[in-house]
Amino acid sequence: MIIGFEFCYSEKVYLSCRDSYGNEMTKTSDGFITMDQAIETTNTLIEDYGFVEVACCNANTGEIIFIARAHEANCVEEVW
């Protein structure tokens, strides 16, 4: 039996993005967003738009939920 999980988050979030030149952009969700949607959007911003770092934050409190960073293909990083 395979069990699937979807990580849900019950608040609006915003994604704070930074490119390799230090330019920043903020993308705010229109409504509630699941964690899977936030991760998928983050991957798109890094892979397709060339951002090097994206922080997903709670839009109400500013709490950082996760930070994603672009790495070289041969880079291995452990996250705790």
Protein backbone atom coordinates (compact mmCIF):
# COMPACT_ATOMS: atom_id res chain seq x y z
CA MET A 1 0.00 0.00 0.00
CA ILE A 2 1.25 3.47 -0.89
CA ILE A 3 0.19 6.43 1.21
CA GLY A 4 0.50 9.96 -0.15
CA PHE A 5 0.95 13.04 1.97
CA GLU A 6 0.23 16.64 1.08
CA PHE A 7 1.75 19.28 3.34
CA CYS A 8 -0.86 21.96 4.00
CA TYR A 9 -0.44 25.42 5.38
CA SER A 10 -3.48 27.40 6.46
CA GLU A 11 -2.24 30.94 5.96
CA LYS A 12 -1.44 33.19 3.05
CA VAL A 13 2.23 33.17 2.18
CA TYR A 14 4.60 35.34 0.24
CA LEU A 15 7.76 34.30 -1.57
CA SER A 16 10.72 36.63 -1.26
CA CYS A 17 13.09 36.00 -4.18
CA ARG A 18 16.68 37.12 -4.75
CA ASP A 19 18.71 36.80 -7.95
CA SER A 20 22.48 36.52 -8.38
CA TYR A 21 22.75 40.32 -8.78
CA GLY A 22 21.12 40.99 -5.40
CA ASN A 23 17.81 42.15 -6.90
CA GLU A 24 14.75 41.15 -4.89
CA MET A 25 11.13 40.45 -5.78
CA THR A 26 8.12 39.46 -3.66
CA LYS A 27 5.30 37.21 -4.87
CA THR A 28 2.22 37.05 -2.63
CA SER A 29 -0.33 34.23 -2.76
CA ASP A 30 -3.91 35.27 -3.56
CA GLY A 31 -5.34 32.96 -0.92
CA PHE A 32 -4.58 29.91 1.14
CA ILE A 33 -1.83 27.76 -0.35
CA THR A 34 -0.68 24.20 0.27
CA MET A 35 2.95 23.56 1.07
CA ASP A 36 3.21 21.43 -2.09
CA GLN A 37 2.06 24.42 -4.18
CA ALA A 38 4.58 26.70 -2.44
CA ILE A 39 7.40 24.22 -3.13
CA GLU A 40 6.35 23.82 -6.76
CA THR A 41 6.21 27.61 -7.27
CA THR A 42 9.61 27.97 -5.57
CA ASN A 43 11.14 25.35 -7.88
CA THR A 44 9.74 27.21 -10.91
CA LEU A 45 11.14 30.54 -9.70
CA ILE A 46 14.61 29.02 -9.22
CA GLU A 47 14.75 26.78 -12.30
CA ASP A 48 12.89 28.88 -14.87
CA TYR A 49 13.48 32.46 -13.71
CA GLY A 50 17.03 32.15 -12.36
CA PHE A 51 16.52 33.21 -8.76
CA VAL A 52 19.24 31.92 -6.44
CA GLU A 53 17.25 32.09 -3.20
CA VAL A 54 13.54 32.02 -2.35
CA ALA A 55 12.16 32.42 1.17
CA CYS A 56 8.58 31.30 1.79
CA CYS A 57 7.06 33.36 4.61
CA ASN A 58 3.74 33.64 6.44
CA ALA A 59 2.04 36.76 5.00
CA ASN A 60 0.44 37.65 8.36
CA THR A 61 3.36 37.18 10.77
CA GLY A 62 6.44 37.25 8.52
CA GLU A 63 7.57 33.90 9.96
CA ILE A 64 9.94 32.08 7.59
CA ILE A 65 8.49 28.70 6.66
CA PHE A 66 11.37 27.54 4.45
CA ILE A 67 14.27 28.86 2.38
CA ALA A 68 15.26 27.27 -0.92
CA ARG A 69 18.61 27.95 -2.59
CA ALA A 70 19.92 27.07 -6.04
CA HIS A 71 22.99 24.83 -6.07
CA GLU A 72 25.34 23.35 -8.59
CA ALA A 73 24.34 19.90 -9.84
CA ASN A 74 27.20 18.20 -7.97
CA CYS A 75 26.53 20.02 -4.67
CA VAL A 76 25.17 18.02 -1.74
CA GLU A 77 23.76 19.79 1.28
CA GLU A 78 22.17 18.35 4.39
CA VAL A 79 19.25 20.23 5.82
CA TRP A 80 18.24 19.75 9.43
